[in-house]
Amino acid sequence: MDWKIDWQSLGLAWLVENPTFAQAAGLAAVAACAWISLLIARRILVAGIRRFAKNSETNWDDRLVDAQLFIRLAHLAPALVTRTGIRMVPGLDETIATLISRLAGAAIVLVIALSTSALLSAANDIYSGIERHRSRPIKGYVQLLKIVIGGVATVLIVSTLFDKSPLIFLSGLGAMTAVLLLVFKDTILSLVASVQLTSNDMIRVGDWIEMPQFNADGDVIDIALHTVSIQNWDKTITTIPTFKFIEGSFKNWRGMTLSGGRRIKRSLVIDMNTVRFLTPDEIERFGSYALLRDYIARKRDEIAAYNAQEDRRPDINADIRRLTNVGTFRAYVYEYLRHHPKIHKGMTTIVRQLEPGATGLPIEIYCFTNVTDWSTYEGVQSDIVDHLLAVAGDFGLRAFQNPSGADVARIADARG
């Protein structure tokens, strides 16, 4: 008697007699295969790529890893295994098999869309890491592409789930054009503004931007599709819609930085009661100043020639020309600025009188420093004004200021 048992035939016969268990076992096998494929993809393939990127000398592969591109691509494995294996489950209801297959197909589309988005993010990081491209970001264009990819992926996912042609869903979008324009109004405006700002090189990362209407005054730290972020000098962050840079006006200080000079425009107000003619002794003294030596010699010859005319009477002040202390002081200021090591020699330097007023006679300094750094510039400007205020007394001039309480008290004490 043959006691040998055909276990294979017995197992198949048992599965045939129990179709529900066979379907459950098939689904469990598909799920197990999908899970194992995900483990292999993440623990072996992705881990190997990470080690390779870490040990390589280039940095673009590190950016791809940081953007989680390969982790997202790893999820393609279980989706493909599920879509392929679900048709091999014996006796599975066609409706369930079709539903799972469509879900797996939709998952494949979603994974591809997310992976493409990660690839774009990595490309943006690689581009921004190049020094010559850092001031002209493409972040806005990358965000726009992500929106387009998201829209296309949504249409493909819906068409996959309903097993319809994508063209059917796209044709229905025509009726929603007005709604889409309303919903994406800011996006469209920002896109147009980003193109204009970038193509015309109106703004870059690192530019000093001033927009008083938004209380923004500082450096641009980020240019995105919808917003531009500005770090103000008080370290607060102002976020401005991109299209506002096209709608309104703003001041970009980049030209000042690139020129290598920063303007000083200050006025010293002189008490007009101290304006007078110079005495011969003062003329001699100023003639010994290194900065005024040439000026005094030139003016002496010029005034002597003018006063030597026959119709000039030297005993009448209004009939002859004489040097004044304020004019000599103005010449001194000009020469002082012209010889100052921190004043730009290739840019405009002017020392002029403004219109006299109730507060005195303004002497305006208009020049440019050869440094643009804020702290250094302020130091140079302050040093120049400090020196000129202190040296004005040598010319018999006094700076004007409104009387304070101490001045009034001193006058009262003098009278009392």
Protein backbone atom coordinates (compact mmCIF):
# COMPACT_ATOMS: atom_id res chain seq x y z
CA MET A 1 0.00 0.00 0.00
CA ASP A 2 1.45 3.40 -1.06
CA TRP A 3 1.33 5.83 1.92
CA LYS A 4 3.00 8.70 -0.01
CA ILE A 5 0.94 11.90 0.09
CA ASP A 6 0.91 14.47 -2.76
CA TRP A 7 1.01 17.58 -0.58
CA GLN A 8 1.06 19.93 -3.60
CA SER A 9 -2.14 18.46 -5.02
CA LEU A 10 -3.71 18.41 -1.58
CA GLY A 11 -2.86 22.07 -0.99
CA LEU A 12 -4.20 23.21 -4.31
CA ALA A 13 -7.36 21.20 -3.82
CA TRP A 14 -7.85 22.77 -0.38
CA LEU A 15 -7.39 26.25 -1.81
CA VAL A 16 -9.90 25.48 -4.54
CA GLU A 17 -12.39 24.36 -1.93
CA ASN A 18 -11.74 27.54 0.15
CA PRO A 19 -11.62 30.51 -2.34
CA THR A 20 -12.01 33.20 0.38
CA PHE A 21 -8.85 32.03 2.13
CA ALA A 22 -7.09 31.83 -1.23
CA GLN A 23 -7.99 35.45 -1.99
CA ALA A 24 -6.87 36.57 1.50
CA ALA A 25 -3.61 34.66 1.13
CA GLY A 26 -3.02 36.22 -2.29
CA LEU A 27 -3.67 39.73 -0.99
CA ALA A 28 -1.38 39.08 1.97
CA ALA A 29 1.33 37.86 -0.38
CA VAL A 30 1.01 40.98 -2.55
CA ALA A 31 1.14 43.19 0.54
CA ALA A 32 4.19 41.32 1.85
CA CYS A 33 5.97 41.62 -1.50
CA ALA A 34 5.18 45.33 -1.63
CA TRP A 35 6.51 45.83 1.92
CA ILE A 36 9.66 43.81 1.18
CA SER A 37 10.26 45.80 -2.03
CA LEU A 38 9.98 49.05 -0.03
CA LEU A 39 12.47 47.74 2.55
CA ILE A 40 14.91 46.73 -0.18
CA ALA A 41 14.57 50.08 -1.92
CA ARG A 42 15.03 52.16 1.26
CA ARG A 43 17.45 50.03 3.30
CA ILE A 44 19.69 48.93 0.45
CA LEU A 45 19.35 51.16 -2.61
CA VAL A 46 18.68 54.50 -0.90
CA ALA A 47 21.20 53.78 1.87
CA GLY A 48 23.82 52.90 -0.74
CA ILE A 49 23.15 56.11 -2.67
CA ARG A 50 23.49 58.12 0.57
CA ARG A 51 26.88 56.57 1.34
CA PHE A 52 28.04 57.24 -2.20
CA ALA A 53 26.90 60.87 -2.04
CA LYS A 54 28.55 61.36 1.34
CA ASN A 55 31.90 60.07 0.11
CA SER A 56 31.86 61.83 -3.26
CA GLU A 57 33.67 65.12 -3.82
CA THR A 58 30.75 66.80 -5.61
CA ASN A 59 27.90 68.44 -3.73
CA TRP A 60 25.07 68.15 -6.25
CA ASP A 61 24.39 64.56 -5.20
CA ASP A 62 24.20 65.70 -1.57
CA ARG A 63 21.54 68.21 -2.59
CA LEU A 64 19.54 65.42 -4.25
CA VAL A 65 19.75 63.37 -1.07
CA ASP A 66 18.80 66.33 1.14
CA ALA A 67 15.75 66.98 -1.05
CA GLN A 68 14.62 63.36 -0.31
CA LEU A 69 14.43 62.56 -4.02
CA PHE A 70 15.54 58.95 -3.63
CA ILE A 71 13.33 58.29 -0.61
CA ARG A 72 10.33 59.39 -2.65
CA LEU A 73 11.40 57.30 -5.64
CA ALA A 74 11.69 54.28 -3.34
CA HIS A 75 7.90 54.31 -2.95
CA LEU A 76 7.57 53.44 -6.62
CA ALA A 77 8.61 49.87 -5.82
CA PRO A 78 5.59 48.88 -3.66
CA ALA A 79 3.21 50.70 -6.01
CA LEU A 80 4.56 48.81 -9.05
CA VAL A 81 4.56 45.50 -7.18
CA THR A 82 0.96 46.03 -6.07
CA ARG A 83 -0.24 47.05 -9.53
CA THR A 84 1.44 44.02 -11.12
CA GLY A 85 0.75 41.44 -8.41
CA ILE A 86 -2.90 42.19 -7.81
CA ARG A 87 -3.81 40.56 -11.13
CA MET A 88 -2.14 37.32 -10.04
CA VAL A 89 -4.36 36.76 -7.00
CA PRO A 90 -6.55 33.74 -7.84
CA GLY A 91 -10.29 34.18 -7.78
CA LEU A 92 -10.13 37.86 -6.74
CA ASP A 93 -13.26 39.81 -7.52
CA GLU A 94 -12.75 41.92 -10.64
CA THR A 95 -14.12 45.04 -8.99
CA ILE A 96 -11.67 44.79 -6.07
CA ALA A 97 -8.75 44.02 -8.39
CA THR A 98 -9.61 46.98 -10.61
CA LEU A 99 -9.97 49.32 -7.62
CA ILE A 100 -6.63 48.30 -6.11
CA SER A 101 -4.94 48.52 -9.52
CA ARG A 102 -6.26 52.04 -10.06
CA LEU A 103 -5.21 53.09 -6.57
CA ALA A 104 -1.72 51.74 -7.25
CA GLY A 105 -1.63 53.60 -10.58
CA ALA A 106 -2.69 56.83 -8.84
CA ALA A 107 0.02 56.23 -6.24
CA ILE A 108 2.60 55.87 -9.03
CA VAL A 109 1.54 59.21 -10.53
CA LEU A 110 1.68 60.85 -7.08
CA VAL A 111 5.16 59.47 -6.36
CA ILE A 112 6.45 60.66 -9.73
CA ALA A 113 4.98 64.14 -9.13
CA LEU A 114 6.50 64.38 -5.64
CA SER A 115 9.86 63.12 -6.92
CA THR A 116 9.84 65.69 -9.72
CA SER A 117 9.07 68.39 -7.15
CA ALA A 118 12.01 67.21 -5.04
CA LEU A 119 14.23 67.24 -8.12
CA LEU A 120 13.25 70.85 -8.82
CA SER A 121 14.00 71.82 -5.21
CA ALA A 122 17.43 70.20 -5.48
CA ALA A 123 18.07 71.97 -8.79
CA ASN A 124 17.18 75.29 -7.16
CA ASP A 125 19.58 74.59 -4.27
CA ILE A 126 22.37 73.64 -6.69
CA TYR A 127 21.77 76.79 -8.74
CA SER A 128 21.68 79.01 -5.65
CA GLY A 129 24.92 77.47 -4.42
CA ILE A 130 26.82 78.89 -7.41
CA GLU A 131 28.25 82.28 -6.44
CA ARG A 132 27.53 84.06 -9.73
CA HIS A 133 23.89 82.91 -9.68
CA ARG A 134 23.16 83.67 -6.03
CA SER A 135 21.98 87.21 -6.70
CA ARG A 136 19.52 86.12 -9.43
CA PRO A 137 17.32 83.41 -7.90
CA ILE A 138 15.02 81.09 -9.85
CA LYS A 139 12.91 80.15 -6.85
CA GLY A 140 9.81 81.80 -8.32
CA TYR A 141 10.07 79.80 -11.55
CA VAL A 142 10.62 76.59 -9.58
CA GLN A 143 7.51 77.25 -7.53
CA LEU A 144 5.52 77.89 -10.70
CA LEU A 145 6.70 74.59 -12.20
CA LYS A 146 5.68 72.82 -9.00
CA ILE A 147 2.20 74.29 -9.31
CA VAL A 148 1.97 73.12 -12.93
CA ILE A 149 3.21 69.65 -11.99
CA GLY A 150 0.69 69.52 -9.17
CA GLY A 151 -2.12 70.45 -11.53
CA VAL A 152 -1.09 67.89 -14.16
CA ALA A 153 -0.67 65.20 -11.48
CA THR A 154 -4.14 65.94 -10.09
CA VAL A 155 -5.72 65.51 -13.53
CA LEU A 156 -3.81 62.26 -14.15
CA ILE A 157 -4.70 60.85 -10.72
CA VAL A 158 -8.40 61.58 -11.20
CA SER A 159 -8.36 60.14 -14.71
CA THR A 160 -6.57 57.02 -13.44
CA LEU A 161 -9.06 56.47 -10.61
CA PHE A 162 -12.05 56.85 -12.94
CA ASP A 163 -10.33 55.14 -15.90
CA LYS A 164 -11.09 58.07 -18.19
CA SER A 165 -8.96 59.95 -20.67
CA PRO A 166 -7.25 63.05 -19.18
CA LEU A 167 -8.57 65.01 -22.15
CA ILE A 168 -12.10 64.66 -20.80
CA PHE A 169 -11.14 66.41 -17.57
CA LEU A 170 -9.03 68.98 -19.38
CA SER A 171 -11.93 69.88 -21.66
CA GLY A 172 -14.02 70.64 -18.59
CA LEU A 173 -11.45 73.14 -17.38
CA GLY A 174 -12.48 75.56 -20.12
CA ALA A 175 -15.69 76.32 -18.28
CA MET A 176 -13.70 76.95 -15.10
CA THR A 177 -11.29 79.43 -16.64
CA ALA A 178 -12.90 82.43 -14.96
CA VAL A 179 -12.88 80.68 -11.60
CA LEU A 180 -9.24 79.64 -12.02
CA LEU A 181 -8.24 83.18 -12.96
CA LEU A 182 -9.94 84.47 -9.84
CA VAL A 183 -8.39 81.82 -7.59
CA PHE A 184 -4.90 82.16 -9.05
CA LYS A 185 -5.04 85.94 -9.55
CA ASP A 186 -2.21 86.61 -7.12
CA THR A 187 -0.15 83.79 -8.60
CA ILE A 188 -0.53 85.17 -12.13
CA LEU A 189 0.31 88.71 -10.98
CA SER A 190 3.31 87.42 -9.04
CA LEU A 191 4.52 85.41 -12.02
CA VAL A 192 4.41 88.44 -14.31
CA ALA A 193 6.13 90.55 -11.64
CA SER A 194 8.82 87.91 -11.09
CA VAL A 195 9.57 87.77 -14.81
CA GLN A 196 9.84 91.57 -15.01
CA LEU A 197 11.95 91.86 -11.86
CA THR A 198 14.35 89.15 -13.02
CA SER A 199 14.57 90.04 -16.70
CA ASN A 200 15.12 93.75 -15.94
CA ASP A 201 17.48 92.95 -13.05
CA MET A 202 15.48 95.25 -10.79
CA ILE A 203 16.07 93.34 -7.58
CA ARG A 204 18.52 90.71 -6.34
CA VAL A 205 19.10 88.82 -3.13
CA GLY A 206 21.36 91.00 -0.99
CA ASP A 207 20.11 94.32 -2.37
CA TRP A 208 19.31 97.10 0.07
CA ILE A 209 15.65 97.94 -0.61
CA GLU A 210 13.65 100.82 0.82
CA MET A 211 9.82 100.81 0.60
CA PRO A 212 8.37 103.30 3.10
CA GLN A 213 4.76 102.33 2.27
CA PHE A 214 5.46 98.89 3.80
CA ASN A 215 7.89 100.13 6.49
CA ALA A 216 10.56 98.06 4.76
CA ASP A 217 14.18 99.21 4.88
CA GLY A 218 16.84 96.52 4.70
CA ASP A 219 18.40 93.69 2.74
CA VAL A 220 16.51 91.29 0.46
CA ILE A 221 16.96 87.78 1.85
CA ASP A 222 14.56 85.80 -0.33
CA ILE A 223 12.73 86.19 -3.63
CA ALA A 224 9.90 83.70 -4.10
CA LEU A 225 7.02 83.48 -6.54
CA HIS A 226 4.48 85.22 -4.34
CA THR A 227 6.58 87.20 -1.86
CA VAL A 228 9.87 89.02 -1.37
CA SER A 229 11.32 88.88 2.16
CA ILE A 230 13.30 91.85 3.46
CA GLN A 231 15.28 91.81 6.69
CA ASN A 232 15.06 95.31 8.12
CA TRP A 233 17.93 96.96 9.97
CA ASP A 234 16.18 96.24 13.28
CA LYS A 235 16.32 92.53 12.32
CA THR A 236 12.58 92.23 11.74
CA ILE A 237 11.34 90.57 8.57
CA THR A 238 8.95 92.31 6.17
CA THR A 239 7.19 90.14 3.58
CA ILE A 240 5.94 92.02 0.52
CA PRO A 241 3.86 90.57 -2.37
CA THR A 242 6.03 90.35 -5.47
CA PHE A 243 3.62 92.27 -7.69
CA LYS A 244 3.79 95.26 -5.31
CA PHE A 245 7.29 95.95 -6.64
CA ILE A 246 5.73 96.54 -10.07
CA GLU A 247 2.64 98.39 -8.86
CA GLY A 248 4.47 100.91 -6.70
CA SER A 249 7.90 102.46 -6.39
CA PHE A 250 10.87 101.38 -4.33
CA LYS A 251 14.44 102.51 -3.84
CA ASN A 252 17.27 100.07 -4.59
CA TRP A 253 20.62 101.10 -3.13
CA ARG A 254 22.55 98.61 -5.26
CA GLY A 255 23.76 101.38 -7.58
CA MET A 256 25.41 103.10 -4.63
CA THR A 257 27.17 99.90 -3.61
CA LEU A 258 28.37 99.13 -7.15
CA SER A 259 29.59 102.70 -7.70
CA GLY A 260 31.95 102.47 -4.74
CA GLY A 261 30.84 105.83 -3.32
CA ARG A 262 28.23 106.91 -0.79
CA ARG A 263 26.91 110.44 -0.61
CA ILE A 264 27.38 112.88 2.25
CA LYS A 265 24.93 115.77 2.24
CA ARG A 266 25.14 117.80 5.43
CA SER A 267 24.68 121.47 6.29
CA LEU A 268 26.50 123.54 8.89
CA VAL A 269 24.36 126.52 9.90
CA ILE A 270 26.47 129.64 10.55
CA ASP A 271 25.32 132.52 12.73
CA MET A 272 25.15 135.42 10.27
CA ASN A 273 26.15 137.87 13.01
CA THR A 274 29.66 136.39 12.85
CA VAL A 275 30.15 136.94 9.09
CA ARG A 276 32.73 139.71 8.43
CA PHE A 277 35.80 140.71 6.41
CA LEU A 278 39.19 139.28 7.25
CA THR A 279 41.87 141.47 8.76
CA PRO A 280 45.37 141.63 7.16
CA ASP A 281 46.78 139.61 10.06
CA GLU A 282 44.18 136.89 9.55
CA ILE A 283 44.94 136.81 5.82
CA GLU A 284 48.62 136.30 6.63
CA ARG A 285 47.78 133.57 9.13
CA PHE A 286 45.49 131.71 6.76
CA GLY A 287 48.10 132.03 4.03
CA SER A 288 50.32 129.77 6.10
CA TYR A 289 47.71 126.99 6.23
CA ALA A 290 48.69 124.12 3.92
CA LEU A 291 45.11 123.76 2.65
CA LEU A 292 44.62 127.51 2.07
CA ARG A 293 48.06 128.57 0.83
CA ASP A 294 47.18 128.39 -2.88
CA TYR A 295 43.71 129.85 -2.32
CA ILE A 296 45.01 132.90 -0.42
CA ALA A 297 47.73 133.57 -2.99
CA ARG A 298 45.27 133.32 -5.87
CA LYS A 299 42.69 135.52 -4.19
CA ARG A 300 45.30 138.15 -3.26
CA ASP A 301 46.31 138.55 -6.90
CA GLU A 302 42.71 138.52 -8.09
CA ILE A 303 41.53 141.08 -5.51
CA ALA A 304 44.56 143.32 -6.04
CA ALA A 305 43.92 143.40 -9.78
CA TYR A 306 40.25 144.23 -9.21
CA ASN A 307 40.89 146.94 -6.66
CA ALA A 308 43.61 148.54 -8.82
CA GLN A 309 41.02 149.78 -11.28
CA GLU A 310 40.79 153.58 -11.47
CA ASP A 311 37.19 153.89 -10.35
CA ARG A 312 37.71 151.92 -7.10
CA ARG A 313 38.00 153.80 -3.79
CA PRO A 314 39.83 151.79 -1.10
CA ASP A 315 38.28 153.82 1.73
CA ILE A 316 34.78 152.54 0.85
CA ASN A 317 34.16 148.88 1.78
CA ALA A 318 31.36 148.50 -0.75
CA ASP A 319 33.61 149.77 -3.56
CA ILE A 320 36.37 147.17 -3.25
CA ARG A 321 36.67 143.44 -2.89
CA ARG A 322 37.92 141.87 0.33
CA LEU A 323 38.20 138.37 1.70
CA THR A 324 35.47 137.25 4.09
CA ASN A 325 35.79 134.74 6.87
CA VAL A 326 32.85 132.68 5.60
CA GLY A 327 34.23 132.57 2.04
CA THR A 328 37.66 131.53 3.33
CA PHE A 329 36.03 128.91 5.56
CA ARG A 330 34.12 127.56 2.56
CA ALA A 331 37.39 127.28 0.61
CA TYR A 332 38.98 125.51 3.57
CA VAL A 333 36.12 123.00 3.76
CA TYR A 334 36.45 122.25 0.04
CA GLU A 335 40.20 121.67 0.26
CA TYR A 336 39.77 119.62 3.40
CA LEU A 337 37.32 117.33 1.63
CA ARG A 338 39.45 117.16 -1.51
CA HIS A 339 42.47 115.98 0.50
CA HIS A 340 40.54 113.66 2.81
CA PRO A 341 41.65 110.01 2.29
CA LYS A 342 38.08 108.68 2.64
CA ILE A 343 36.47 111.03 0.10
CA HIS A 344 36.00 109.69 -3.45
CA LYS A 345 38.16 111.73 -5.83
CA GLY A 346 36.25 110.72 -8.96
CA MET A 347 32.84 111.90 -7.77
CA THR A 348 31.23 115.28 -7.20
CA THR A 349 32.56 117.41 -4.35
CA ILE A 350 30.76 120.71 -3.68
CA VAL A 351 30.73 123.13 -0.78
CA ARG A 352 28.03 125.74 -1.26
CA GLN A 353 25.85 128.27 0.51
CA LEU A 354 22.15 127.63 0.75
CA GLU A 355 19.51 130.31 1.13
CA PRO A 356 19.93 132.22 4.41
CA GLY A 357 17.02 131.92 6.79
CA ALA A 358 15.85 132.60 10.31
CA THR A 359 18.23 129.98 11.63
CA GLY A 360 21.34 131.36 9.90
CA LEU A 361 23.43 130.74 6.80
CA PRO A 362 23.63 127.03 5.80
CA ILE A 363 26.97 125.83 4.37
CA GLU A 364 26.19 122.54 2.61
CA ILE A 365 28.72 119.77 2.16
CA TYR A 366 28.02 117.56 -0.86
CA CYS A 367 30.54 114.78 -1.54
CA PHE A 368 30.95 111.00 -1.68
CA THR A 369 32.95 108.68 0.51
CA ASN A 370 35.04 105.94 -1.11
CA VAL A 371 33.54 103.37 1.27
CA THR A 372 29.93 102.13 1.23
CA ASP A 373 29.83 100.09 4.44
CA TRP A 374 27.23 101.68 6.71
CA SER A 375 29.24 101.83 9.94
CA THR A 376 32.43 103.04 8.21
CA TYR A 377 30.47 105.62 6.23
CA GLU A 378 28.80 107.02 9.35
CA GLY A 379 32.17 107.23 11.08
CA VAL A 380 33.73 109.17 8.19
CA GLN A 381 30.75 111.53 7.99
CA SER A 382 30.77 112.19 11.73
CA ASP A 383 34.54 112.80 11.79
CA ILE A 384 34.24 115.40 9.00
CA VAL A 385 31.38 117.27 10.68
CA ASP A 386 33.13 117.13 14.06
CA HIS A 387 36.27 118.67 12.60
CA LEU A 388 34.47 121.43 10.71
CA LEU A 389 32.36 122.44 13.72
CA ALA A 390 35.48 122.65 15.85
CA VAL A 391 37.57 124.57 13.29
CA ALA A 392 34.87 127.13 12.43
CA GLY A 393 35.89 129.18 15.45
CA ASP A 394 39.37 129.72 13.94
CA PHE A 395 37.65 131.70 11.18
CA GLY A 396 35.67 133.82 13.62
CA LEU A 397 32.47 131.93 12.84
CA ARG A 398 29.94 130.50 15.23
CA ALA A 399 27.49 127.69 14.55
CA PHE A 400 23.87 128.67 15.08
CA GLN A 401 21.46 126.83 17.35
CA ASN A 402 18.19 127.83 18.97
CA PRO A 403 18.58 129.00 22.57
CA SER A 404 18.06 126.36 25.23
CA GLY A 405 16.75 126.72 28.76
CA ALA A 406 20.31 127.08 30.04
CA ASP A 407 20.91 130.00 27.65
CA VAL A 408 17.78 131.79 28.86
CA ALA A 409 18.76 131.21 32.49
CA ARG A 410 22.27 132.57 31.84
CA ILE A 411 20.84 135.72 30.24
CA ALA A 412 18.48 136.18 33.20
CA ASP A 413 21.34 135.80 35.66
CA ALA A 414 23.45 138.33 33.73
CA ARG A 415 20.63 140.89 33.89
CA GLY A 416 19.84 140.19 37.50
